[in-house]
Amino acid sequence: MNIFTIIVTYNGKKWVDFCLGSLRKSTIKTISLVIDNCSTDGTLDYIREHYPEAVLFTQEKNHGFGQANNVGIRYALAHGADYCLLLNQDAAISADAIELMLAQSDGESLVSPIHMNGDGTRLDNNFRDATLSRCKPLLNDAFAGTWKPVYECGEVCAACWLLPRKVIEKIGGFNPLFFHYSEDNNYYQRLVYHHIKVLLVPQARMYHDRVGLYGNKRVWNQQWLHNVITLTCTNINLTAEQCMNDMLHALWTCYAYRLPQKQYQVGSFFMAICRLIRYGKQIKNSRTKEKRIQSNWL
């Protein structure tokens, strides 16, 4: 198997040993691709010195999570990748994680390990609330004390995705309309539309060293409205009427709850509206493009 691990970095020097160090211990060796979004904390110099095996891509500006991953995905496909492992800069994998996921992969589905917190003492909060709570077969088996090697589940955070080449060739890369956060939600919407499964391997482990549900709560709050509405408008599983209803609901939620509770700033509210108007045509075009069975955004 020709496997490339794609890591997007941005001022992530403190996690380099945690992340790239875990790949060195993996029973299945991969080619590490590091796409750096203009770090200023010495991340690149540290990687060059301590992990010379990594292939580095230095960006001229911060392209965000999705587009930086697309750089790595394009390189991997051009160099004969069978699989791409997307791994966050603040994440690490167990030594046997890739081996266990490959053993259960059908070559046509996205595969994920169990997401733990940074030190592996409990489940990652987002994974627990957004993914595991909706995977009833796994929960039922957990209570019964019997585990299957693999389960079909719903949406999983892109902090650790094993993507077969066939999936990428069919779905493509990340939608560039999303700078940071929600790009994996959009990708999952496209998986659903094209009837591609998400498989969860409970014996495989990933460790996500973050606090709470989101890595950067300030950025999440600033971009909340823009991301929610863009995610709604690009959801190719919804009709135009459903999109409008969900968009109006998001606007009302922001106006009636998030603004009064100071979870969203007034300036960010109007900026989000302006950005949505500016990118309206691109959002409309993305719905048309994502419905096609072809490689998108790469």
C-alpha atoms as a PDB file:
ATOM      1  CA  MET A   1       0.000   0.000   0.000  1.00  0.00           C
ATOM      2  CA  ASN A   2       1.179   3.485  -0.903  1.00  0.00           C
ATOM      3  CA  ILE A   3      -0.087   5.668   1.974  1.00  0.00           C
ATOM      4  CA  PHE A   4       0.450   9.389   2.459  1.00  0.00           C
ATOM      5  CA  THR A   5      -0.224  11.150   5.756  1.00  0.00           C
ATOM      6  CA  ILE A   6      -1.297  14.762   5.253  1.00  0.00           C
ATOM      7  CA  ILE A   7      -0.784  17.201   8.130  1.00  0.00           C
ATOM      8  CA  VAL A   8      -1.708  20.892   7.982  1.00  0.00           C
ATOM      9  CA  THR A   9       0.328  23.000  10.413  1.00  0.00           C
ATOM     10  CA  TYR A  10      -0.132  26.498  11.735  1.00  0.00           C
ATOM     11  CA  ASN A  11       2.015  27.502  14.715  1.00  0.00           C
ATOM     12  CA  GLY A  12       1.950  23.899  15.882  1.00  0.00           C
ATOM     13  CA  LYS A  13       5.523  23.424  17.047  1.00  0.00           C
ATOM     14  CA  LYS A  14       4.404  22.148  20.458  1.00  0.00           C
ATOM     15  CA  TRP A  15       2.618  19.210  18.820  1.00  0.00           C
ATOM     16  CA  VAL A  16       5.248  18.175  16.264  1.00  0.00           C
ATOM     17  CA  ASP A  17       6.740  15.374  18.371  1.00  0.00           C
ATOM     18  CA  PHE A  18       3.275  14.274  19.463  1.00  0.00           C
ATOM     19  CA  CYS A  19       2.010  14.041  15.882  1.00  0.00           C
ATOM     20  CA  LEU A  20       4.972  13.097  13.676  1.00  0.00           C
ATOM     21  CA  GLY A  21       6.523  11.070  16.478  1.00  0.00           C
ATOM     22  CA  SER A  22       3.477   8.787  16.512  1.00  0.00           C
ATOM     23  CA  LEU A  23       3.806   8.190  12.765  1.00  0.00           C
ATOM     24  CA  ARG A  24       7.377   6.979  13.262  1.00  0.00           C
ATOM     25  CA  LYS A  25       6.071   4.335  15.669  1.00  0.00           C
ATOM     26  CA  SER A  26       3.335   3.151  13.309  1.00  0.00           C
ATOM     27  CA  THR A  27       3.458  -0.501  12.235  1.00  0.00           C
ATOM     28  CA  ILE A  28       2.457   0.717   8.759  1.00  0.00           C
ATOM     29  CA  LYS A  29       4.871   3.304   7.432  1.00  0.00           C
ATOM     30  CA  THR A  30       3.539   6.274   5.500  1.00  0.00           C
ATOM     31  CA  ILE A  31       4.960   9.234   3.620  1.00  0.00           C
ATOM     32  CA  SER A  32       4.392  12.362   5.704  1.00  0.00           C
ATOM     33  CA  LEU A  33       3.306  15.513   3.878  1.00  0.00           C
ATOM     34  CA  VAL A  34       3.323  18.696   5.959  1.00  0.00           C
ATOM     35  CA  ILE A  35       1.515  21.714   4.529  1.00  0.00           C
ATOM     36  CA  ASP A  36       2.387  24.768   6.600  1.00  0.00           C
ATOM     37  CA  ASN A  37       0.092  27.809   6.608  1.00  0.00           C
ATOM     38  CA  CYS A  38       2.754  30.430   7.340  1.00  0.00           C
ATOM     39  CA  SER A  39       3.713  29.439  10.888  1.00  0.00           C
ATOM     40  CA  THR A  40       5.734  32.003  12.851  1.00  0.00           C
ATOM     41  CA  ASP A  41       6.699  29.860  15.857  1.00  0.00           C
ATOM     42  CA  GLY A  42       9.516  27.862  14.256  1.00  0.00           C
ATOM     43  CA  THR A  43       7.377  24.869  13.311  1.00  0.00           C
ATOM     44  CA  LEU A  44       9.064  24.364   9.929  1.00  0.00           C
ATOM     45  CA  ASP A  45      12.608  24.664  11.240  1.00  0.00           C
ATOM     46  CA  TYR A  46      11.859  22.138  13.980  1.00  0.00           C
ATOM     47  CA  ILE A  47      10.401  19.657  11.477  1.00  0.00           C
ATOM     48  CA  ARG A  48      13.339  20.072   9.107  1.00  0.00           C
ATOM     49  CA  GLU A  49      15.786  19.336  11.911  1.00  0.00           C
ATOM     50  CA  HIS A  50      14.000  16.517  13.710  1.00  0.00           C
ATOM     51  CA  TYR A  51      11.811  14.936  10.994  1.00  0.00           C
ATOM     52  CA  PRO A  52      13.764  15.195   7.733  1.00  0.00           C
ATOM     53  CA  GLU A  53      11.687  12.382   6.217  1.00  0.00           C
ATOM     54  CA  ALA A  54       8.642  14.700   6.001  1.00  0.00           C
ATOM     55  CA  VAL A  55       7.887  16.388   2.674  1.00  0.00           C
ATOM     56  CA  LEU A  56       7.271  20.079   3.384  1.00  0.00           C
ATOM     57  CA  PHE A  57       5.003  22.497   1.532  1.00  0.00           C
ATOM     58  CA  THR A  58       5.355  26.126   2.576  1.00  0.00           C
ATOM     59  CA  GLN A  59       2.387  28.304   1.668  1.00  0.00           C
ATOM     60  CA  GLU A  60       2.687  31.986   0.768  1.00  0.00           C
ATOM     61  CA  LYS A  61      -0.375  32.744   2.875  1.00  0.00           C
ATOM     62  CA  ASN A  62      -2.695  30.968   5.295  1.00  0.00           C
ATOM     63  CA  HIS A  63      -5.089  29.009   3.079  1.00  0.00           C
ATOM     64  CA  GLY A  64      -7.032  27.473   5.949  1.00  0.00           C
ATOM     65  CA  PHE A  65      -7.515  23.811   6.768  1.00  0.00           C
ATOM     66  CA  GLY A  66      -9.398  22.525   3.739  1.00  0.00           C
ATOM     67  CA  GLN A  67      -7.400  24.123   0.929  1.00  0.00           C
ATOM     68  CA  ALA A  68      -4.097  23.222   2.587  1.00  0.00           C
ATOM     69  CA  ASN A  69      -5.242  19.601   2.777  1.00  0.00           C
ATOM     70  CA  ASN A  70      -6.111  19.801  -0.912  1.00  0.00           C
ATOM     71  CA  VAL A  71      -2.459  20.663  -1.641  1.00  0.00           C
ATOM     72  CA  GLY A  72      -1.366  17.453   0.051  1.00  0.00           C
ATOM     73  CA  ILE A  73      -4.113  15.376  -1.538  1.00  0.00           C
ATOM     74  CA  ARG A  74      -3.162  16.558  -5.039  1.00  0.00           C
ATOM     75  CA  TYR A  75       0.477  15.640  -4.416  1.00  0.00           C
ATOM     76  CA  ALA A  76      -0.445  12.243  -2.990  1.00  0.00           C
ATOM     77  CA  LEU A  77      -2.690  11.315  -5.916  1.00  0.00           C
ATOM     78  CA  ALA A  78      -0.056  12.442  -8.421  1.00  0.00           C
ATOM     79  CA  HIS A  79       2.463  10.161  -6.717  1.00  0.00           C
ATOM     80  CA  GLY A  80       0.334   7.034  -6.750  1.00  0.00           C
ATOM     81  CA  ALA A  81      -1.362   7.125  -3.342  1.00  0.00           C
ATOM     82  CA  ASP A  82      -3.677   4.236  -2.507  1.00  0.00           C
ATOM     83  CA  TYR A  83      -4.786   5.978   0.686  1.00  0.00           C
ATOM     84  CA  CYS A  84      -4.516   9.432   2.247  1.00  0.00           C
ATOM     85  CA  LEU A  85      -4.502   9.691   6.026  1.00  0.00           C
ATOM     86  CA  LEU A  86      -5.605  13.155   7.103  1.00  0.00           C
ATOM     87  CA  LEU A  87      -4.210  13.906  10.557  1.00  0.00           C
ATOM     88  CA  ASN A  88      -4.529  17.099  12.598  1.00  0.00           C
ATOM     89  CA  GLN A  89      -1.356  18.790  13.823  1.00  0.00           C
ATOM     90  CA  ASP A  90      -2.636  18.363  17.402  1.00  0.00           C
ATOM     91  CA  ALA A  91      -3.390  14.663  16.970  1.00  0.00           C
ATOM     92  CA  ALA A  92      -1.477  11.386  17.219  1.00  0.00           C
ATOM     93  CA  ILE A  93      -2.279   7.772  16.351  1.00  0.00           C
ATOM     94  CA  SER A  94      -1.634   4.506  18.149  1.00  0.00           C
ATOM     95  CA  ALA A  95       1.087   2.346  16.638  1.00  0.00           C
ATOM     96  CA  ASP A  96      -1.400  -0.141  15.177  1.00  0.00           C
ATOM     97  CA  ALA A  97      -4.138   2.327  14.159  1.00  0.00           C
ATOM     98  CA  ILE A  98      -3.389   2.385  10.420  1.00  0.00           C
ATOM     99  CA  GLU A  99      -2.890  -1.387  10.311  1.00  0.00           C
ATOM    100  CA  LEU A 100      -6.257  -1.966  12.024  1.00  0.00           C
ATOM    101  CA  MET A 101      -8.086   0.484   9.747  1.00  0.00           C
ATOM    102  CA  LEU A 102      -6.573  -1.007   6.594  1.00  0.00           C
ATOM    103  CA  ALA A 103      -7.653  -4.473   7.715  1.00  0.00           C
ATOM    104  CA  GLN A 104     -11.300  -3.311   7.799  1.00  0.00           C
ATOM    105  CA  SER A 105     -11.233  -1.010   4.785  1.00  0.00           C
ATOM    106  CA  ASP A 106     -13.241  -1.993   1.717  1.00  0.00           C
ATOM    107  CA  GLY A 107     -11.361   0.544  -0.403  1.00  0.00           C
ATOM    108  CA  GLU A 108     -14.567   2.467  -1.076  1.00  0.00           C
ATOM    109  CA  SER A 109     -15.433   3.985   2.324  1.00  0.00           C
ATOM    110  CA  LEU A 110     -13.983   6.607   4.650  1.00  0.00           C
ATOM    111  CA  VAL A 111     -12.429   4.916   7.698  1.00  0.00           C
ATOM    112  CA  SER A 112     -11.934   6.393  11.164  1.00  0.00           C
ATOM    113  CA  PRO A 113     -10.463   5.234  14.474  1.00  0.00           C
ATOM    114  CA  ILE A 114     -11.921   5.988  17.903  1.00  0.00           C
ATOM    115  CA  HIS A 115     -11.079   9.577  18.886  1.00  0.00           C
ATOM    116  CA  MET A 116      -9.637   9.908  22.386  1.00  0.00           C
ATOM    117  CA  ASN A 117      -8.503  13.003  24.262  1.00  0.00           C
ATOM    118  CA  GLY A 118      -4.831  13.965  24.229  1.00  0.00           C
ATOM    119  CA  ASP A 119      -3.628  11.608  26.952  1.00  0.00           C
ATOM    120  CA  GLY A 120      -6.013   8.785  26.057  1.00  0.00           C
ATOM    121  CA  THR A 121      -7.892   8.799  29.370  1.00  0.00           C
ATOM    122  CA  ARG A 122     -11.344   9.416  27.868  1.00  0.00           C
ATOM    123  CA  LEU A 123     -13.192   9.983  24.629  1.00  0.00           C
ATOM    124  CA  ASP A 124     -12.772  13.251  22.751  1.00  0.00           C
ATOM    125  CA  ASN A 125     -15.781  15.427  23.645  1.00  0.00           C
ATOM    126  CA  ASN A 126     -16.813  16.171  20.069  1.00  0.00           C
ATOM    127  CA  PHE A 127     -16.439  12.533  19.033  1.00  0.00           C
ATOM    128  CA  ARG A 128     -18.479  11.381  22.026  1.00  0.00           C
ATOM    129  CA  ASP A 129     -21.327  13.852  21.460  1.00  0.00           C
ATOM    130  CA  ALA A 130     -21.454  14.068  17.669  1.00  0.00           C
ATOM    131  CA  THR A 131     -20.436  10.584  16.510  1.00  0.00           C
ATOM    132  CA  LEU A 132     -20.512   7.878  19.166  1.00  0.00           C
ATOM    133  CA  SER A 133     -23.882   8.915  20.591  1.00  0.00           C
ATOM    134  CA  ARG A 134     -25.461   8.278  17.164  1.00  0.00           C
ATOM    135  CA  CYS A 135     -23.806   4.920  16.516  1.00  0.00           C
ATOM    136  CA  LYS A 136     -26.362   2.776  18.326  1.00  0.00           C
ATOM    137  CA  PRO A 137     -25.035  -0.643  17.215  1.00  0.00           C
ATOM    138  CA  LEU A 138     -21.631   0.145  18.706  1.00  0.00           C
ATOM    139  CA  LEU A 139     -23.162   1.466  21.937  1.00  0.00           C
ATOM    140  CA  ASN A 140     -25.354  -1.617  22.266  1.00  0.00           C
ATOM    141  CA  ASP A 141     -22.358  -3.909  21.761  1.00  0.00           C
ATOM    142  CA  ALA A 142     -20.289  -1.872  24.223  1.00  0.00           C
ATOM    143  CA  PHE A 143     -22.896  -2.387  26.942  1.00  0.00           C
ATOM    144  CA  ALA A 144     -23.037  -6.095  26.075  1.00  0.00           C
ATOM    145  CA  GLY A 145     -19.250  -6.371  26.189  1.00  0.00           C
ATOM    146  CA  THR A 146     -18.965  -7.634  22.614  1.00  0.00           C
ATOM    147  CA  TRP A 147     -17.139  -5.616  19.975  1.00  0.00           C
ATOM    148  CA  LYS A 148     -17.228  -6.072  16.220  1.00  0.00           C
ATOM    149  CA  PRO A 149     -14.127  -5.241  14.180  1.00  0.00           C
ATOM    150  CA  VAL A 150     -15.905  -2.440  12.307  1.00  0.00           C
ATOM    151  CA  TYR A 151     -19.129  -0.416  12.447  1.00  0.00           C
ATOM    152  CA  GLU A 152     -20.896   1.795   9.965  1.00  0.00           C
ATOM    153  CA  CYS A 153     -21.456   5.184  11.558  1.00  0.00           C
ATOM    154  CA  GLY A 154     -22.344   8.767  10.701  1.00  0.00           C
ATOM    155  CA  GLU A 155     -20.283  11.935  10.586  1.00  0.00           C
ATOM    156  CA  VAL A 156     -16.783  11.918  12.099  1.00  0.00           C
ATOM    157  CA  CYS A 157     -14.456  14.886  12.679  1.00  0.00           C
ATOM    158  CA  ALA A 158     -11.698  15.109  10.038  1.00  0.00           C
ATOM    159  CA  ALA A 159      -8.964  15.121  12.697  1.00  0.00           C
ATOM    160  CA  CYS A 160      -8.141  11.593  11.530  1.00  0.00           C
ATOM    161  CA  TRP A 161      -9.568  10.257   8.280  1.00  0.00           C
ATOM    162  CA  LEU A 162      -8.293   7.365   6.210  1.00  0.00           C
ATOM    163  CA  LEU A 163      -9.443   8.139   2.671  1.00  0.00           C
ATOM    164  CA  PRO A 164      -9.096   5.510  -0.073  1.00  0.00           C
ATOM    165  CA  ARG A 165      -8.113   6.790  -3.502  1.00  0.00           C
ATOM    166  CA  LYS A 166     -11.495   5.753  -4.938  1.00  0.00           C
ATOM    167  CA  VAL A 167     -13.337   8.022  -2.500  1.00  0.00           C
ATOM    168  CA  ILE A 168     -11.157  11.017  -3.335  1.00  0.00           C
ATOM    169  CA  GLU A 169     -11.501  10.428  -7.075  1.00  0.00           C
ATOM    170  CA  LYS A 170     -15.277  10.349  -6.650  1.00  0.00           C
ATOM    171  CA  ILE A 171     -15.810  13.107  -4.071  1.00  0.00           C
ATOM    172  CA  GLY A 172     -12.711  15.233  -4.538  1.00  0.00           C
ATOM    173  CA  GLY A 173     -11.116  17.502  -1.950  1.00  0.00           C
ATOM    174  CA  PHE A 174     -12.465  20.079   0.469  1.00  0.00           C
ATOM    175  CA  ASN A 175     -14.724  22.907  -0.699  1.00  0.00           C
ATOM    176  CA  PRO A 176     -12.620  26.141  -0.710  1.00  0.00           C
ATOM    177  CA  LEU A 177     -15.623  28.165   0.494  1.00  0.00           C
ATOM    178  CA  PHE A 178     -14.779  26.941   4.006  1.00  0.00           C
ATOM    179  CA  PHE A 179     -11.635  28.470   5.482  1.00  0.00           C
ATOM    180  CA  HIS A 180     -11.631  26.838   8.911  1.00  0.00           C
ATOM    181  CA  TYR A 181     -14.304  24.620  10.502  1.00  0.00           C
ATOM    182  CA  SER A 182     -17.308  23.020   8.735  1.00  0.00           C
ATOM    183  CA  GLU A 183     -15.273  21.830   5.724  1.00  0.00           C
ATOM    184  CA  ASP A 184     -15.502  18.258   7.037  1.00  0.00           C
ATOM    185  CA  ASN A 185     -19.269  18.652   7.598  1.00  0.00           C
ATOM    186  CA  ASN A 186     -19.627  19.656   3.957  1.00  0.00           C
ATOM    187  CA  TYR A 187     -17.508  16.691   2.884  1.00  0.00           C
ATOM    188  CA  TYR A 188     -19.749  14.339   4.855  1.00  0.00           C
ATOM    189  CA  GLN A 189     -22.826  15.809   3.159  1.00  0.00           C
ATOM    190  CA  ARG A 190     -21.270  14.889  -0.173  1.00  0.00           C
ATOM    191  CA  LEU A 191     -20.449  11.379   1.050  1.00  0.00           C
ATOM    192  CA  VAL A 192     -24.109  10.915   1.971  1.00  0.00           C
ATOM    193  CA  TYR A 193     -25.290  12.205  -1.399  1.00  0.00           C
ATOM    194  CA  HIS A 194     -23.009   9.795  -3.267  1.00  0.00           C
ATOM    195  CA  HIS A 195     -23.871   6.853  -0.959  1.00  0.00           C
ATOM    196  CA  ILE A 196     -20.366   6.433   0.459  1.00  0.00           C
ATOM    197  CA  LYS A 197     -20.103   4.845   3.897  1.00  0.00           C
ATOM    198  CA  VAL A 198     -18.167   5.976   6.955  1.00  0.00           C
ATOM    199  CA  LEU A 199     -16.607   3.055   8.822  1.00  0.00           C
ATOM    200  CA  LEU A 200     -15.486   3.169  12.461  1.00  0.00           C
ATOM    201  CA  VAL A 201     -12.819   0.752  13.722  1.00  0.00           C
ATOM    202  CA  PRO A 202     -13.173   0.610  17.548  1.00  0.00           C
ATOM    203  CA  GLN A 203      -9.809  -1.056  18.213  1.00  0.00           C
ATOM    204  CA  ALA A 204      -7.891   1.715  16.406  1.00  0.00           C
ATOM    205  CA  ARG A 205      -7.105   4.810  18.462  1.00  0.00           C
ATOM    206  CA  MET A 206      -6.397   8.460  17.707  1.00  0.00           C
ATOM    207  CA  TYR A 207      -5.490  11.019  20.385  1.00  0.00           C
ATOM    208  CA  HIS A 208      -6.725  14.600  19.912  1.00  0.00           C
ATOM    209  CA  ASP A 209      -4.976  17.096  22.182  1.00  0.00           C
ATOM    210  CA  ARG A 210      -7.565  19.863  22.425  1.00  0.00           C
ATOM    211  CA  VAL A 211      -9.878  21.370  25.020  1.00  0.00           C
ATOM    212  CA  GLY A 212     -13.665  21.242  24.696  1.00  0.00           C
ATOM    213  CA  LEU A 213     -15.596  20.620  21.491  1.00  0.00           C
ATOM    214  CA  TYR A 214     -13.513  22.907  19.296  1.00  0.00           C
ATOM    215  CA  GLY A 215      -9.831  23.641  19.115  1.00  0.00           C
ATOM    216  CA  ASN A 216     -10.180  27.420  18.838  1.00  0.00           C
ATOM    217  CA  LYS A 217     -13.428  28.619  20.410  1.00  0.00           C
ATOM    218  CA  ARG A 218     -12.803  32.270  19.488  1.00  0.00           C
ATOM    219  CA  VAL A 219     -12.424  31.471  15.772  1.00  0.00           C
ATOM    220  CA  TRP A 220     -15.390  29.092  15.923  1.00  0.00           C
ATOM    221  CA  ASN A 221     -17.628  31.812  17.383  1.00  0.00           C
ATOM    222  CA  GLN A 222     -16.425  34.460  14.921  1.00  0.00           C
ATOM    223  CA  GLN A 223     -17.182  32.266  11.902  1.00  0.00           C
ATOM    224  CA  TRP A 224     -20.266  30.519  13.260  1.00  0.00           C
ATOM    225  CA  LEU A 225     -22.993  32.254  11.246  1.00  0.00           C
ATOM    226  CA  HIS A 226     -21.048  32.312   7.981  1.00  0.00           C
ATOM    227  CA  ASN A 227     -20.151  28.634   8.287  1.00  0.00           C
ATOM    228  CA  VAL A 228     -23.640  27.502   9.311  1.00  0.00           C
ATOM    229  CA  ILE A 229     -25.373  29.293   6.445  1.00  0.00           C
ATOM    230  CA  THR A 230     -22.720  28.305   3.889  1.00  0.00           C
ATOM    231  CA  LEU A 231     -22.956  24.705   5.095  1.00  0.00           C
ATOM    232  CA  THR A 232     -26.727  24.828   4.710  1.00  0.00           C
ATOM    233  CA  CYS A 233     -26.660  26.407   1.251  1.00  0.00           C
ATOM    234  CA  THR A 234     -24.073  23.934  -0.071  1.00  0.00           C
ATOM    235  CA  ASN A 235     -25.869  20.871   1.318  1.00  0.00           C
ATOM    236  CA  ILE A 236     -26.759  18.960  -1.838  1.00  0.00           C
ATOM    237  CA  ASN A 237     -29.058  16.680   0.151  1.00  0.00           C
ATOM    238  CA  LEU A 238     -31.507  19.559   0.757  1.00  0.00           C
ATOM    239  CA  THR A 239     -34.056  21.109  -1.557  1.00  0.00           C
ATOM    240  CA  ALA A 240     -33.986  24.860  -2.238  1.00  0.00           C
ATOM    241  CA  GLU A 241     -36.937  25.306   0.139  1.00  0.00           C
ATOM    242  CA  GLN A 242     -35.207  23.366   2.917  1.00  0.00           C
ATOM    243  CA  CYS A 243     -32.054  25.468   2.413  1.00  0.00           C
ATOM    244  CA  MET A 244     -34.035  28.700   2.771  1.00  0.00           C
ATOM    245  CA  ASN A 245     -35.824  27.494   5.905  1.00  0.00           C
ATOM    246  CA  ASP A 246     -32.592  26.365   7.550  1.00  0.00           C
ATOM    247  CA  MET A 247     -30.827  29.604   6.604  1.00  0.00           C
ATOM    248  CA  LEU A 248     -33.594  31.716   8.128  1.00  0.00           C
ATOM    249  CA  HIS A 249     -33.496  29.558  11.243  1.00  0.00           C
ATOM    250  CA  ALA A 250     -29.744  30.163  11.585  1.00  0.00           C
ATOM    251  CA  LEU A 251     -30.227  33.929  11.215  1.00  0.00           C
ATOM    252  CA  TRP A 252     -32.968  33.917  13.833  1.00  0.00           C
ATOM    253  CA  THR A 253     -30.869  31.803  16.215  1.00  0.00           C
ATOM    254  CA  CYS A 254     -27.993  34.245  15.908  1.00  0.00           C
ATOM    255  CA  TYR A 255     -30.239  37.311  16.349  1.00  0.00           C
ATOM    256  CA  ALA A 256     -32.358  35.947  19.210  1.00  0.00           C
ATOM    257  CA  TYR A 257     -29.787  33.953  21.155  1.00  0.00           C
ATOM    258  CA  ARG A 258     -26.140  34.244  20.187  1.00  0.00           C
ATOM    259  CA  LEU A 259     -26.040  38.061  19.892  1.00  0.00           C
ATOM    260  CA  PRO A 260     -27.857  38.735  23.212  1.00  0.00           C
ATOM    261  CA  GLN A 261     -25.664  36.140  24.942  1.00  0.00           C
ATOM    262  CA  LYS A 262     -22.564  37.762  23.402  1.00  0.00           C
ATOM    263  CA  GLN A 263     -21.606  34.451  21.788  1.00  0.00           C
ATOM    264  CA  TYR A 264     -21.442  36.331  18.505  1.00  0.00           C
ATOM    265  CA  GLN A 265     -20.349  39.906  17.794  1.00  0.00           C
ATOM    266  CA  VAL A 266     -22.485  42.445  15.954  1.00  0.00           C
ATOM    267  CA  GLY A 267     -19.611  43.299  13.639  1.00  0.00           C
ATOM    268  CA  SER A 268     -19.105  39.618  12.786  1.00  0.00           C
ATOM    269  CA  PHE A 269     -22.851  39.314  12.102  1.00  0.00           C
ATOM    270  CA  PHE A 270     -22.855  41.996   9.412  1.00  0.00           C
ATOM    271  CA  MET A 271     -19.530  40.794   8.020  1.00  0.00           C
ATOM    272  CA  ALA A 272     -20.982  37.292   7.651  1.00  0.00           C
ATOM    273  CA  ILE A 273     -23.981  38.659   5.738  1.00  0.00           C
ATOM    274  CA  CYS A 274     -21.696  40.637   3.405  1.00  0.00           C
ATOM    275  CA  ARG A 275     -19.496  37.593   2.767  1.00  0.00           C
ATOM    276  CA  LEU A 276     -22.521  35.426   2.019  1.00  0.00           C
ATOM    277  CA  ILE A 277     -23.820  37.972  -0.501  1.00  0.00           C
ATOM    278  CA  ARG A 278     -20.356  38.254  -2.058  1.00  0.00           C
ATOM    279  CA  TYR A 279     -19.942  34.482  -2.410  1.00  0.00           C
ATOM    280  CA  GLY A 280     -23.578  33.780  -3.287  1.00  0.00           C
ATOM    281  CA  LYS A 281     -22.814  32.785  -6.882  1.00  0.00           C
ATOM    282  CA  GLN A 282     -19.932  30.513  -5.815  1.00  0.00           C
ATOM    283  CA  ILE A 283     -22.166  28.831  -3.235  1.00  0.00           C
ATOM    284  CA  LYS A 284     -24.826  28.215  -5.891  1.00  0.00           C
ATOM    285  CA  ASN A 285     -22.241  26.847  -8.320  1.00  0.00           C
ATOM    286  CA  SER A 286     -20.778  24.529  -5.675  1.00  0.00           C
ATOM    287  CA  ARG A 287     -24.154  22.792  -5.274  1.00  0.00           C
ATOM    288  CA  THR A 288     -24.171  22.015  -8.993  1.00  0.00           C
ATOM    289  CA  LYS A 289     -20.556  20.870  -9.015  1.00  0.00           C
ATOM    290  CA  GLU A 290     -20.783  18.625  -5.953  1.00  0.00           C
ATOM    291  CA  LYS A 291     -23.681  16.655  -7.424  1.00  0.00           C
ATOM    292  CA  ARG A 292     -21.499  15.389 -10.243  1.00  0.00           C
ATOM    293  CA  ILE A 293     -19.542  12.163  -9.983  1.00  0.00           C
ATOM    294  CA  GLN A 294     -16.123  13.660 -10.579  1.00  0.00           C
ATOM    295  CA  SER A 295     -13.065  14.981  -8.774  1.00  0.00           C
ATOM    296  CA  ASN A 296     -13.985  18.348  -7.267  1.00  0.00           C
ATOM    297  CA  TRP A 297     -11.808  21.139  -5.859  1.00  0.00           C
ATOM    298  CA  LEU A 298      -8.542  19.410  -6.750  1.00  0.00           C
END
